[in-house]
Each structure stands twice: as C-alpha cells, then as structure tokens.
Amino acid sequence: MRLTKVRYFIKEGCRSFFVNWTMSLACVTIVTACLVVFGIFLSLSMNVSQITNYTRSEYEIRVIISPETTERRVKEIGREIEVIENVANCTLVTRAERFSELPENVIAGLDLSDNPLSDSFVVTFKNLEMAAQTADEISEIPEVRQTTQSKETLDKVNTLFNKVTAGVIALIAIMILISVFIISNTIKLTVFARKRDINIMKFVGATDWFIRWPFIIEGMVIGVIGAAFAFLAVWYGYGYVAAGIGAVFTNFNVFAALVSAEAIMPILISSFLGFGILIGAVGSIISVRRHLHV
C-alpha cells in the first residue's frame, strides 16, 4: 500500500469522525460504557483469582511428632519434610511454643514439665491438588504420629478455585460478545447514514477496500478514544475502591492480596486499547460490507 494512500485513509477517517461528530460521540460513548463494564469485570476477576490463590497458598497442615522423639531427630525430620517436592514451607513449632499458645485457664497451675504436647511442623504446599498425596508421604516417616489435614476443607478450596476460574472466563467471554454486538450495531448507524457516499464511490470505480479503509480508521479512532476514557474511569475508580477496602479491612490479611492500581494499569491499557481498536475495526468492516453490493 502506498504511503499517499495511507495518508489519505487516515485523513479521511479522522475527517469523517469530526464531520459526523454526533454519531461519533454516540459510538465513543457506547465503546466507553462497554469497556468500563469490561474493565470492572476484568479487575474483579483478577482480584478474585488472586484472593483465591492467596487462600490456597495459606492452606496448611500440622504434622505431629511422637513425644519420645529426640530433639536431634526432630530437626532431621524437618529436613526430610523440606526436601519433599511439593512442600513449599516447613516450620517447626516446639512443644514449649505449643504450650504457650494454650489458653490461660487451661495451663493455670501447670508448668512446662507437665506439658503433654509434642513437637510439630506447620507445612504448606506448592500445588494444593497434590496436598493429600504429599501429606500421605509425610505420614510415612516413622516418628510422625498424625497429620491434621482436612480432606473436606481441601476439596472445598480446590472446588472453589476451579469454579472461580471457570466463572471468570465465562463472564469475560460474555462481556466480549455483548460489547461486540452493541458496538458493531452502533457503528452500523454511522455507516448507514453515509450509504449514499459509499454508493457514489462504487459507481465511480473505487475498490471495496479503498472504501473500507477510511471507515476502519474511523472505527479505530473511536475505539482508541473510548479506550482512553474507559481507562481513566476504571483506573481512578479502582484506586479509590481499593484504598477504601484496604482502610476498612486492615485486620484481614486476605485483602492484602488485592491487585494494586499500579499493577493493574498496564493490563487495563493493553486490553482496552487492543479491545477498542479491534472492535472498532471489525465493527466497521461488518457494517460497511452490506453497503458495498450495489
């Protein structure tokens, strides 16, 4: 494609945007609204996924060691657990530490020599799907008396994660389809208003793509402007809401897993620009197509 043609297409696309400013404004408004809703779902899905992953990473079991096990052997057991492939972290909790964690009314009148508790390890996992298998592997160590894993809790956490992932994918797919439908139909109105110009260009011998490109450029301009407005709205809104949640739920560690506004910014920019340009261009191509057959 010649540079002169490219300049012509860009010039005509931008000129058409301003000449038909009322329809262009309507399209920008629709694009902005759709992208804002899409951005809200995207931000929500990212945070739900991150909080779910945070919850999964916090799942832990306690490995109880037989009380007659020597201190040296307890340390060796800790090293044996740490080298198991799926173990993310293994922390020793001594019998004295466990004793100090008991309520005052329970340990009243008792001293450390009366401590009936055993040394234990708190274990977290790299892959929660393999947690049960890893716990069974730990239980094979002779001095391990008990592992306090809850299969029911584990299954609930894994089920929740799978449902959240599937729900997020479904919501984003639905939002994309709705946005494509609304935006393409709005652009059709702008094309329909200029079908006379398209017919004249066809009659004087213009090729289909020569006619399409100014509309495609116009659709891309609409997409970029709508993406810019949507980004500003979602970014500032997200920062305000995230700060409010952090201030209210200061004592809940799970909210520390929220995605920061700075981290979400590049994702919003790339997705909004890509989605806005793509929808504007595709919507223009679909809308112009029916008026090219004269």
C-alpha atoms as a PDB file:
ATOM      1  CA  MET A   1       0.000   0.000   0.000  1.00  0.00           C
ATOM      2  CA  ARG A   2       1.402   3.389  -0.996  1.00  0.00           C
ATOM      3  CA  LEU A   3       2.220   5.970   1.651  1.00  0.00           C
ATOM      4  CA  THR A   4      -0.013   8.502  -0.090  1.00  0.00           C
ATOM      5  CA  LYS A   5      -2.964   6.110   0.205  1.00  0.00           C
ATOM      6  CA  VAL A   6      -2.237   5.501   3.872  1.00  0.00           C
ATOM      7  CA  ARG A   7      -2.217   9.245   4.493  1.00  0.00           C
ATOM      8  CA  TYR A   8      -5.467   9.607   2.570  1.00  0.00           C
ATOM      9  CA  PHE A   9      -7.180   6.839   4.545  1.00  0.00           C
ATOM     10  CA  ILE A  10      -6.039   8.302   7.882  1.00  0.00           C
ATOM     11  CA  LYS A  11      -7.066  11.803   6.829  1.00  0.00           C
ATOM     12  CA  GLU A  12     -10.495  10.681   5.599  1.00  0.00           C
ATOM     13  CA  GLY A  13     -11.087   8.500   8.646  1.00  0.00           C
ATOM     14  CA  CYS A  14     -10.270  11.337  11.056  1.00  0.00           C
ATOM     15  CA  ARG A  15     -12.220  13.869   8.971  1.00  0.00           C
ATOM     16  CA  SER A  16     -15.259  11.607   8.931  1.00  0.00           C
ATOM     17  CA  PHE A  17     -15.014  11.252  12.712  1.00  0.00           C
ATOM     18  CA  PHE A  18     -15.290  15.038  13.216  1.00  0.00           C
ATOM     19  CA  VAL A  19     -17.729  15.742  10.365  1.00  0.00           C
ATOM     20  CA  ASN A  20     -20.207  13.194  11.744  1.00  0.00           C
ATOM     21  CA  TRP A  21     -19.431  14.146  15.310  1.00  0.00           C
ATOM     22  CA  THR A  22     -22.882  13.360  16.721  1.00  0.00           C
ATOM     23  CA  MET A  23     -22.760   9.711  15.596  1.00  0.00           C
ATOM     24  CA  SER A  24     -19.075   9.535  16.509  1.00  0.00           C
ATOM     25  CA  LEU A  25     -19.881  10.772  20.008  1.00  0.00           C
ATOM     26  CA  ALA A  26     -22.600   8.154  20.331  1.00  0.00           C
ATOM     27  CA  CYS A  27     -20.143   5.443  19.268  1.00  0.00           C
ATOM     28  CA  VAL A  28     -17.449   6.706  21.673  1.00  0.00           C
ATOM     29  CA  THR A  29     -19.999   6.716  24.492  1.00  0.00           C
ATOM     30  CA  ILE A  30     -21.051   3.148  23.739  1.00  0.00           C
ATOM     31  CA  VAL A  31     -17.438   1.986  23.443  1.00  0.00           C
ATOM     32  CA  THR A  32     -16.542   3.712  26.717  1.00  0.00           C
ATOM     33  CA  ALA A  33     -19.532   2.208  28.538  1.00  0.00           C
ATOM     34  CA  CYS A  34     -18.805  -1.298  27.265  1.00  0.00           C
ATOM     35  CA  LEU A  35     -15.108  -1.047  28.105  1.00  0.00           C
ATOM     36  CA  VAL A  36     -15.863   0.315  31.587  1.00  0.00           C
ATOM     37  CA  VAL A  37     -18.103  -2.681  32.293  1.00  0.00           C
ATOM     38  CA  PHE A  38     -15.480  -4.972  30.755  1.00  0.00           C
ATOM     39  CA  GLY A  39     -12.792  -3.311  32.902  1.00  0.00           C
ATOM     40  CA  ILE A  40     -14.860  -3.781  36.053  1.00  0.00           C
ATOM     41  CA  PHE A  41     -15.282  -7.480  35.300  1.00  0.00           C
ATOM     42  CA  LEU A  42     -11.590  -7.779  34.409  1.00  0.00           C
ATOM     43  CA  SER A  43     -10.491  -6.073  37.649  1.00  0.00           C
ATOM     44  CA  LEU A  44     -12.927  -8.141  39.677  1.00  0.00           C
ATOM     45  CA  SER A  45     -11.805 -11.384  38.043  1.00  0.00           C
ATOM     46  CA  MET A  46      -8.121 -10.592  38.642  1.00  0.00           C
ATOM     47  CA  ASN A  47      -8.762  -9.896  42.319  1.00  0.00           C
ATOM     48  CA  VAL A  48     -10.985 -12.935  42.821  1.00  0.00           C
ATOM     49  CA  SER A  49      -8.327 -15.132  41.213  1.00  0.00           C
ATOM     50  CA  GLN A  50      -5.567 -13.582  43.300  1.00  0.00           C
ATOM     51  CA  ILE A  51      -7.516 -13.855  46.556  1.00  0.00           C
ATOM     52  CA  THR A  52      -8.356 -17.480  45.733  1.00  0.00           C
ATOM     53  CA  ASN A  53      -4.700 -18.212  45.033  1.00  0.00           C
ATOM     54  CA  TYR A  54      -3.775 -16.448  48.272  1.00  0.00           C
ATOM     55  CA  THR A  55      -6.268 -18.613  50.160  1.00  0.00           C
ATOM     56  CA  ARG A  56      -4.848 -21.727  48.523  1.00  0.00           C
ATOM     57  CA  SER A  57      -1.297 -20.728  49.442  1.00  0.00           C
ATOM     58  CA  GLU A  58      -2.360 -20.216  53.060  1.00  0.00           C
ATOM     59  CA  TYR A  59      -3.717 -23.764  53.376  1.00  0.00           C
ATOM     60  CA  GLU A  60      -1.525 -25.686  55.798  1.00  0.00           C
ATOM     61  CA  ILE A  61      -1.399 -28.884  57.789  1.00  0.00           C
ATOM     62  CA  ARG A  62       0.173 -29.625  61.152  1.00  0.00           C
ATOM     63  CA  VAL A  63       2.449 -32.643  61.414  1.00  0.00           C
ATOM     64  CA  ILE A  64       2.523 -34.023  64.976  1.00  0.00           C
ATOM     65  CA  ILE A  65       5.705 -35.818  66.043  1.00  0.00           C
ATOM     66  CA  SER A  66       5.779 -38.613  68.606  1.00  0.00           C
ATOM     67  CA  PRO A  67       6.616 -37.204  72.078  1.00  0.00           C
ATOM     68  CA  GLU A  68       9.540 -39.594  72.656  1.00  0.00           C
ATOM     69  CA  THR A  69      11.392 -38.291  69.570  1.00  0.00           C
ATOM     70  CA  THR A  70      14.716 -36.643  70.411  1.00  0.00           C
ATOM     71  CA  GLU A  71      15.413 -33.001  69.564  1.00  0.00           C
ATOM     72  CA  ARG A  72      18.099 -34.020  67.087  1.00  0.00           C
ATOM     73  CA  ARG A  73      15.750 -36.408  65.310  1.00  0.00           C
ATOM     74  CA  VAL A  74      13.032 -33.737  65.171  1.00  0.00           C
ATOM     75  CA  LYS A  75      15.404 -31.468  63.256  1.00  0.00           C
ATOM     76  CA  GLU A  76      16.244 -34.329  60.880  1.00  0.00           C
ATOM     77  CA  ILE A  77      12.533 -34.912  60.261  1.00  0.00           C
ATOM     78  CA  GLY A  78      12.158 -31.229  59.401  1.00  0.00           C
ATOM     79  CA  ARG A  79      14.876 -31.559  56.756  1.00  0.00           C
ATOM     80  CA  GLU A  80      13.239 -34.717  55.382  1.00  0.00           C
ATOM     81  CA  ILE A  81       9.915 -32.905  55.016  1.00  0.00           C
ATOM     82  CA  GLU A  82      11.538 -29.878  53.365  1.00  0.00           C
ATOM     83  CA  VAL A  83      13.083 -31.963  50.566  1.00  0.00           C
ATOM     84  CA  ILE A  84       9.703 -33.438  49.571  1.00  0.00           C
ATOM     85  CA  GLU A  85       8.981 -31.967  46.134  1.00  0.00           C
ATOM     86  CA  ASN A  86       5.556 -30.440  46.795  1.00  0.00           C
ATOM     87  CA  VAL A  87       6.422 -28.886  50.173  1.00  0.00           C
ATOM     88  CA  ALA A  88       6.624 -25.078  49.962  1.00  0.00           C
ATOM     89  CA  ASN A  89       7.481 -24.365  53.602  1.00  0.00           C
ATOM     90  CA  CYS A  90       8.059 -26.381  56.764  1.00  0.00           C
ATOM     91  CA  THR A  91       8.141 -24.558  60.120  1.00  0.00           C
ATOM     92  CA  LEU A  92       8.963 -26.219  63.429  1.00  0.00           C
ATOM     93  CA  VAL A  93       6.643 -25.455  66.355  1.00  0.00           C
ATOM     94  CA  THR A  94       8.194 -26.831  69.547  1.00  0.00           C
ATOM     95  CA  ARG A  95       6.196 -28.362  72.358  1.00  0.00           C
ATOM     96  CA  ALA A  96       7.083 -25.343  74.517  1.00  0.00           C
ATOM     97  CA  GLU A  97       5.712 -22.950  71.886  1.00  0.00           C
ATOM     98  CA  ARG A  98       2.537 -25.003  71.545  1.00  0.00           C
ATOM     99  CA  PHE A  99       2.174 -24.988  75.348  1.00  0.00           C
ATOM    100  CA  SER A 100       2.456 -21.188  75.474  1.00  0.00           C
ATOM    101  CA  GLU A 101      -0.319 -20.891  72.866  1.00  0.00           C
ATOM    102  CA  LEU A 102      -2.850 -22.642  75.102  1.00  0.00           C
ATOM    103  CA  PRO A 103      -5.489 -20.512  76.896  1.00  0.00           C
ATOM    104  CA  GLU A 104      -4.593 -19.249  80.369  1.00  0.00           C
ATOM    105  CA  ASN A 105      -7.428 -21.183  82.010  1.00  0.00           C
ATOM    106  CA  VAL A 106      -6.052 -24.432  80.557  1.00  0.00           C
ATOM    107  CA  ILE A 107      -2.425 -24.021  81.647  1.00  0.00           C
ATOM    108  CA  ALA A 108      -3.223 -22.435  85.026  1.00  0.00           C
ATOM    109  CA  GLY A 109      -1.240 -24.241  87.734  1.00  0.00           C
ATOM    110  CA  LEU A 110       0.837 -26.185  85.159  1.00  0.00           C
ATOM    111  CA  ASP A 111       4.480 -25.754  84.242  1.00  0.00           C
ATOM    112  CA  LEU A 112       6.484 -26.867  81.226  1.00  0.00           C
ATOM    113  CA  SER A 113       7.328 -30.212  82.827  1.00  0.00           C
ATOM    114  CA  ASP A 114       3.607 -31.036  82.775  1.00  0.00           C
ATOM    115  CA  ASN A 115       3.399 -30.246  79.051  1.00  0.00           C
ATOM    116  CA  PRO A 116       1.576 -33.152  77.318  1.00  0.00           C
ATOM    117  CA  LEU A 117       2.086 -31.737  73.834  1.00  0.00           C
ATOM    118  CA  SER A 118       4.563 -32.850  71.173  1.00  0.00           C
ATOM    119  CA  ASP A 119       6.768 -31.031  68.715  1.00  0.00           C
ATOM    120  CA  SER A 120       5.080 -30.365  65.394  1.00  0.00           C
ATOM    121  CA  PHE A 121       5.641 -28.896  61.951  1.00  0.00           C
ATOM    122  CA  VAL A 122       3.403 -26.495  60.039  1.00  0.00           C
ATOM    123  CA  VAL A 123       3.591 -27.436  56.350  1.00  0.00           C
ATOM    124  CA  THR A 124       2.359 -25.513  53.284  1.00  0.00           C
ATOM    125  CA  PHE A 125       2.289 -26.769  49.698  1.00  0.00           C
ATOM    126  CA  LYS A 126       3.326 -25.627  46.229  1.00  0.00           C
ATOM    127  CA  ASN A 127       0.472 -27.448  44.485  1.00  0.00           C
ATOM    128  CA  LEU A 128      -2.694 -27.819  46.507  1.00  0.00           C
ATOM    129  CA  GLU A 129      -4.072 -30.536  44.201  1.00  0.00           C
ATOM    130  CA  MET A 130      -1.239 -32.788  45.416  1.00  0.00           C
ATOM    131  CA  ALA A 131      -1.617 -31.842  49.097  1.00  0.00           C
ATOM    132  CA  ALA A 132      -3.314 -35.092  50.131  1.00  0.00           C
ATOM    133  CA  GLN A 133      -0.672 -37.179  48.364  1.00  0.00           C
ATOM    134  CA  THR A 134       2.118 -35.132  49.973  1.00  0.00           C
ATOM    135  CA  ALA A 135       0.520 -35.490  53.427  1.00  0.00           C
ATOM    136  CA  ASP A 136       0.434 -39.273  52.963  1.00  0.00           C
ATOM    137  CA  GLU A 137       4.119 -39.181  52.022  1.00  0.00           C
ATOM    138  CA  ILE A 138       4.917 -37.236  55.193  1.00  0.00           C
ATOM    139  CA  SER A 139       2.901 -39.725  57.251  1.00  0.00           C
ATOM    140  CA  GLU A 140       5.270 -42.489  56.115  1.00  0.00           C
ATOM    141  CA  ILE A 141       8.026 -41.016  58.308  1.00  0.00           C
ATOM    142  CA  PRO A 142       8.092 -43.383  61.346  1.00  0.00           C
ATOM    143  CA  GLU A 143       8.087 -40.668  64.031  1.00  0.00           C
ATOM    144  CA  VAL A 144       5.092 -38.844  62.557  1.00  0.00           C
ATOM    145  CA  ARG A 145       2.131 -39.603  64.777  1.00  0.00           C
ATOM    146  CA  GLN A 146      -0.551 -37.589  62.989  1.00  0.00           C
ATOM    147  CA  THR A 147      -1.144 -35.106  60.168  1.00  0.00           C
ATOM    148  CA  THR A 148      -4.053 -32.761  60.783  1.00  0.00           C
ATOM    149  CA  GLN A 149      -5.217 -32.453  57.191  1.00  0.00           C
ATOM    150  CA  SER A 150      -8.884 -31.930  56.420  1.00  0.00           C
ATOM    151  CA  LYS A 151      -9.793 -33.591  53.136  1.00  0.00           C
ATOM    152  CA  GLU A 152     -13.186 -31.892  53.204  1.00  0.00           C
ATOM    153  CA  THR A 153     -11.611 -28.429  53.564  1.00  0.00           C
ATOM    154  CA  LEU A 154      -9.046 -29.235  50.897  1.00  0.00           C
ATOM    155  CA  ASP A 155     -11.744 -30.360  48.468  1.00  0.00           C
ATOM    156  CA  LYS A 156     -13.788 -27.220  49.142  1.00  0.00           C
ATOM    157  CA  VAL A 157     -10.799 -24.938  48.478  1.00  0.00           C
ATOM    158  CA  ASN A 158      -9.939 -26.743  45.231  1.00  0.00           C
ATOM    159  CA  THR A 159     -13.576 -26.754  44.104  1.00  0.00           C
ATOM    160  CA  LEU A 160     -13.895 -23.040  44.856  1.00  0.00           C
ATOM    161  CA  PHE A 161     -10.763 -22.267  42.842  1.00  0.00           C
ATOM    162  CA  ASN A 162     -11.975 -24.282  39.829  1.00  0.00           C
ATOM    163  CA  LYS A 163     -15.432 -22.662  39.926  1.00  0.00           C
ATOM    164  CA  VAL A 164     -13.985 -19.161  40.239  1.00  0.00           C
ATOM    165  CA  THR A 165     -11.648 -19.753  37.296  1.00  0.00           C
ATOM    166  CA  ALA A 166     -14.465 -21.091  35.114  1.00  0.00           C
ATOM    167  CA  GLY A 167     -16.787 -18.260  36.165  1.00  0.00           C
ATOM    168  CA  VAL A 168     -14.207 -15.573  35.396  1.00  0.00           C
ATOM    169  CA  ILE A 169     -13.559 -16.984  31.914  1.00  0.00           C
ATOM    170  CA  ALA A 170     -17.299 -17.232  31.220  1.00  0.00           C
ATOM    171  CA  LEU A 171     -18.007 -13.659  32.392  1.00  0.00           C
ATOM    172  CA  ILE A 172     -15.212 -12.178  30.275  1.00  0.00           C
ATOM    173  CA  ALA A 173     -16.377 -14.149  27.216  1.00  0.00           C
ATOM    174  CA  ILE A 174     -19.969 -12.958  27.712  1.00  0.00           C
ATOM    175  CA  MET A 175     -18.837  -9.331  28.104  1.00  0.00           C
ATOM    176  CA  ILE A 176     -16.791  -9.546  24.898  1.00  0.00           C
ATOM    177  CA  LEU A 177     -19.747 -10.915  22.929  1.00  0.00           C
ATOM    178  CA  ILE A 178     -22.131  -8.277  24.296  1.00  0.00           C
ATOM    179  CA  SER A 179     -19.645  -5.494  23.574  1.00  0.00           C
ATOM    180  CA  VAL A 180     -19.044  -6.678  20.006  1.00  0.00           C
ATOM    181  CA  PHE A 181     -22.792  -6.799  19.340  1.00  0.00           C
ATOM    182  CA  ILE A 182     -23.554  -3.356  20.777  1.00  0.00           C
ATOM    183  CA  ILE A 183     -20.579  -1.565  19.249  1.00  0.00           C
ATOM    184  CA  SER A 184     -20.935  -3.115  15.787  1.00  0.00           C
ATOM    185  CA  ASN A 185     -24.624  -2.177  15.692  1.00  0.00           C
ATOM    186  CA  THR A 186     -23.846   1.374  16.752  1.00  0.00           C
ATOM    187  CA  ILE A 187     -21.213   1.710  14.036  1.00  0.00           C
ATOM    188  CA  LYS A 188     -23.758   0.375  11.538  1.00  0.00           C
ATOM    189  CA  LEU A 189     -25.819   3.511  12.197  1.00  0.00           C
ATOM    190  CA  THR A 190     -22.902   5.746  11.206  1.00  0.00           C
ATOM    191  CA  VAL A 191     -22.281   3.709   8.055  1.00  0.00           C
ATOM    192  CA  PHE A 192     -25.978   3.678   7.140  1.00  0.00           C
ATOM    193  CA  ALA A 193     -26.056   7.467   7.405  1.00  0.00           C
ATOM    194  CA  ARG A 194     -23.362   7.617   4.689  1.00  0.00           C
ATOM    195  CA  LYS A 195     -24.525   4.831   2.384  1.00  0.00           C
ATOM    196  CA  ARG A 196     -25.091   7.414  -0.373  1.00  0.00           C
ATOM    197  CA  ASP A 197     -21.376   8.323  -0.282  1.00  0.00           C
ATOM    198  CA  ILE A 198     -20.452   4.627  -0.447  1.00  0.00           C
ATOM    199  CA  ASN A 199     -22.727   4.080  -3.459  1.00  0.00           C
ATOM    200  CA  ILE A 200     -21.224   7.056  -5.315  1.00  0.00           C
ATOM    201  CA  MET A 201     -17.679   5.775  -4.673  1.00  0.00           C
ATOM    202  CA  LYS A 202     -18.671   2.343  -6.001  1.00  0.00           C
ATOM    203  CA  PHE A 203     -20.173   3.820  -9.158  1.00  0.00           C
ATOM    204  CA  VAL A 204     -17.002   5.793  -9.973  1.00  0.00           C
ATOM    205  CA  GLY A 205     -14.899   2.616  -9.706  1.00  0.00           C
ATOM    206  CA  ALA A 206     -13.493   2.593  -6.155  1.00  0.00           C
ATOM    207  CA  THR A 207     -12.474  -0.832  -4.898  1.00  0.00           C
ATOM    208  CA  ASP A 208     -14.130  -2.338  -1.834  1.00  0.00           C
ATOM    209  CA  TRP A 209     -11.021  -1.977   0.336  1.00  0.00           C
ATOM    210  CA  PHE A 210     -10.491   1.622  -0.816  1.00  0.00           C
ATOM    211  CA  ILE A 211     -13.962   2.311   0.578  1.00  0.00           C
ATOM    212  CA  ARG A 212     -13.467   0.214   3.702  1.00  0.00           C
ATOM    213  CA  TRP A 213     -10.208   1.692   4.981  1.00  0.00           C
ATOM    214  CA  PRO A 214     -11.464   5.187   5.972  1.00  0.00           C
ATOM    215  CA  PHE A 215     -14.294   3.537   7.914  1.00  0.00           C
ATOM    216  CA  ILE A 216     -11.850   1.120   9.533  1.00  0.00           C
ATOM    217  CA  ILE A 217      -9.592   4.041  10.546  1.00  0.00           C
ATOM    218  CA  GLU A 218     -12.624   5.881  11.902  1.00  0.00           C
ATOM    219  CA  GLY A 219     -13.665   2.818  13.885  1.00  0.00           C
ATOM    220  CA  MET A 220     -10.133   2.510  15.294  1.00  0.00           C
ATOM    221  CA  VAL A 221     -10.148   6.199  16.290  1.00  0.00           C
ATOM    222  CA  ILE A 222     -13.478   5.661  18.042  1.00  0.00           C
ATOM    223  CA  GLY A 223     -12.018   2.610  19.802  1.00  0.00           C
ATOM    224  CA  VAL A 224      -8.879   4.465  20.962  1.00  0.00           C
ATOM    225  CA  ILE A 225     -10.822   7.475  22.303  1.00  0.00           C
ATOM    226  CA  GLY A 226     -13.350   5.208  24.027  1.00  0.00           C
ATOM    227  CA  ALA A 227     -10.496   3.139  25.496  1.00  0.00           C
ATOM    228  CA  ALA A 228      -8.822   6.269  26.878  1.00  0.00           C
ATOM    229  CA  PHE A 229     -11.995   7.460  28.633  1.00  0.00           C
ATOM    230  CA  ALA A 230     -12.736   3.956  29.926  1.00  0.00           C
ATOM    231  CA  PHE A 231      -9.189   3.551  31.241  1.00  0.00           C
ATOM    232  CA  LEU A 232      -9.315   6.813  33.184  1.00  0.00           C
ATOM    233  CA  ALA A 233     -12.705   5.921  34.668  1.00  0.00           C
ATOM    234  CA  VAL A 234     -11.735   2.371  35.703  1.00  0.00           C
ATOM    235  CA  TRP A 235      -8.232   3.236  36.896  1.00  0.00           C
ATOM    236  CA  TYR A 236      -9.250   6.111  39.156  1.00  0.00           C
ATOM    237  CA  GLY A 237     -12.349   4.257  40.312  1.00  0.00           C
ATOM    238  CA  TYR A 238     -10.358   1.121  41.066  1.00  0.00           C
ATOM    239  CA  GLY A 239      -7.729   3.059  43.009  1.00  0.00           C
ATOM    240  CA  TYR A 240     -10.420   4.723  45.099  1.00  0.00           C
ATOM    241  CA  VAL A 241     -12.267   1.463  45.841  1.00  0.00           C
ATOM    242  CA  ALA A 242      -9.054  -0.491  46.583  1.00  0.00           C
ATOM    243  CA  ALA A 243      -7.872   2.206  49.008  1.00  0.00           C
ATOM    244  CA  GLY A 244     -11.269   2.166  50.732  1.00  0.00           C
ATOM    245  CA  ILE A 245     -11.245  -1.613  51.110  1.00  0.00           C
ATOM    246  CA  GLY A 246      -7.705  -1.538  52.477  1.00  0.00           C
ATOM    247  CA  ALA A 247      -8.660   1.099  55.037  1.00  0.00           C
ATOM    248  CA  VAL A 248     -11.762  -0.768  56.237  1.00  0.00           C
ATOM    249  CA  PHE A 249     -10.353  -4.305  56.323  1.00  0.00           C
ATOM    250  CA  THR A 250      -6.937  -3.589  57.820  1.00  0.00           C
ATOM    251  CA  ASN A 251      -7.093  -6.662  60.064  1.00  0.00           C
ATOM    252  CA  PHE A 252      -7.879  -9.160  57.304  1.00  0.00           C
ATOM    253  CA  ASN A 253      -4.721 -10.489  55.629  1.00  0.00           C
ATOM    254  CA  VAL A 254      -6.643 -11.759  52.623  1.00  0.00           C
ATOM    255  CA  PHE A 255      -7.267  -8.186  51.438  1.00  0.00           C
ATOM    256  CA  ALA A 256      -3.504  -7.667  51.267  1.00  0.00           C
ATOM    257  CA  ALA A 257      -3.727  -9.904  48.196  1.00  0.00           C
ATOM    258  CA  LEU A 258      -5.713  -7.304  46.242  1.00  0.00           C
ATOM    259  CA  VAL A 259      -4.086  -6.278  42.969  1.00  0.00           C
ATOM    260  CA  SER A 260      -2.673  -2.752  43.274  1.00  0.00           C
ATOM    261  CA  ALA A 261      -3.742   0.031  40.919  1.00  0.00           C
ATOM    262  CA  GLU A 262      -0.161   0.274  39.625  1.00  0.00           C
ATOM    263  CA  ALA A 263      -0.092  -3.447  38.825  1.00  0.00           C
ATOM    264  CA  ILE A 264      -3.440  -3.403  37.053  1.00  0.00           C
ATOM    265  CA  MET A 265      -2.646  -0.288  34.957  1.00  0.00           C
ATOM    266  CA  PRO A 266      -0.599  -1.967  32.149  1.00  0.00           C
ATOM    267  CA  ILE A 267      -3.169  -4.748  31.849  1.00  0.00           C
ATOM    268  CA  LEU A 268      -6.001  -2.225  31.544  1.00  0.00           C
ATOM    269  CA  ILE A 269      -4.125  -0.137  28.984  1.00  0.00           C
ATOM    270  CA  SER A 270      -3.204  -3.073  26.751  1.00  0.00           C
ATOM    271  CA  SER A 271      -6.603  -4.782  26.981  1.00  0.00           C
ATOM    272  CA  PHE A 272      -8.604  -1.566  26.466  1.00  0.00           C
ATOM    273  CA  LEU A 273      -6.512  -0.390  23.518  1.00  0.00           C
ATOM    274  CA  GLY A 274      -6.449  -3.795  21.875  1.00  0.00           C
ATOM    275  CA  PHE A 275     -10.122  -4.459  22.501  1.00  0.00           C
ATOM    276  CA  GLY A 276     -11.205  -0.936  21.478  1.00  0.00           C
ATOM    277  CA  ILE A 277      -9.204  -0.916  18.243  1.00  0.00           C
ATOM    278  CA  LEU A 278     -10.241  -4.455  17.355  1.00  0.00           C
ATOM    279  CA  ILE A 279     -13.935  -3.847  17.975  1.00  0.00           C
ATOM    280  CA  GLY A 280     -13.889  -0.532  16.132  1.00  0.00           C
ATOM    281  CA  ALA A 281     -12.168  -2.042  13.095  1.00  0.00           C
ATOM    282  CA  VAL A 282     -14.197  -5.257  12.992  1.00  0.00           C
ATOM    283  CA  GLY A 283     -17.438  -3.384  13.602  1.00  0.00           C
ATOM    284  CA  SER A 284     -16.658  -1.069  10.679  1.00  0.00           C
ATOM    285  CA  ILE A 285     -15.815  -3.959   8.337  1.00  0.00           C
ATOM    286  CA  ILE A 286     -19.039  -5.786   9.227  1.00  0.00           C
ATOM    287  CA  SER A 287     -21.118  -2.625   8.929  1.00  0.00           C
ATOM    288  CA  VAL A 288     -19.709  -1.499   5.560  1.00  0.00           C
ATOM    289  CA  ARG A 289     -19.949  -4.915   3.937  1.00  0.00           C
ATOM    290  CA  ARG A 290     -23.699  -4.848   3.235  1.00  0.00           C
ATOM    291  CA  HIS A 291     -23.485  -1.461   1.509  1.00  0.00           C
ATOM    292  CA  LEU A 292     -20.718  -2.488  -0.895  1.00  0.00           C
ATOM    293  CA  HIS A 293     -23.075  -4.599  -3.051  1.00  0.00           C
ATOM    294  CA  VAL A 294     -24.817  -2.093  -5.321  1.00  0.00           C
END
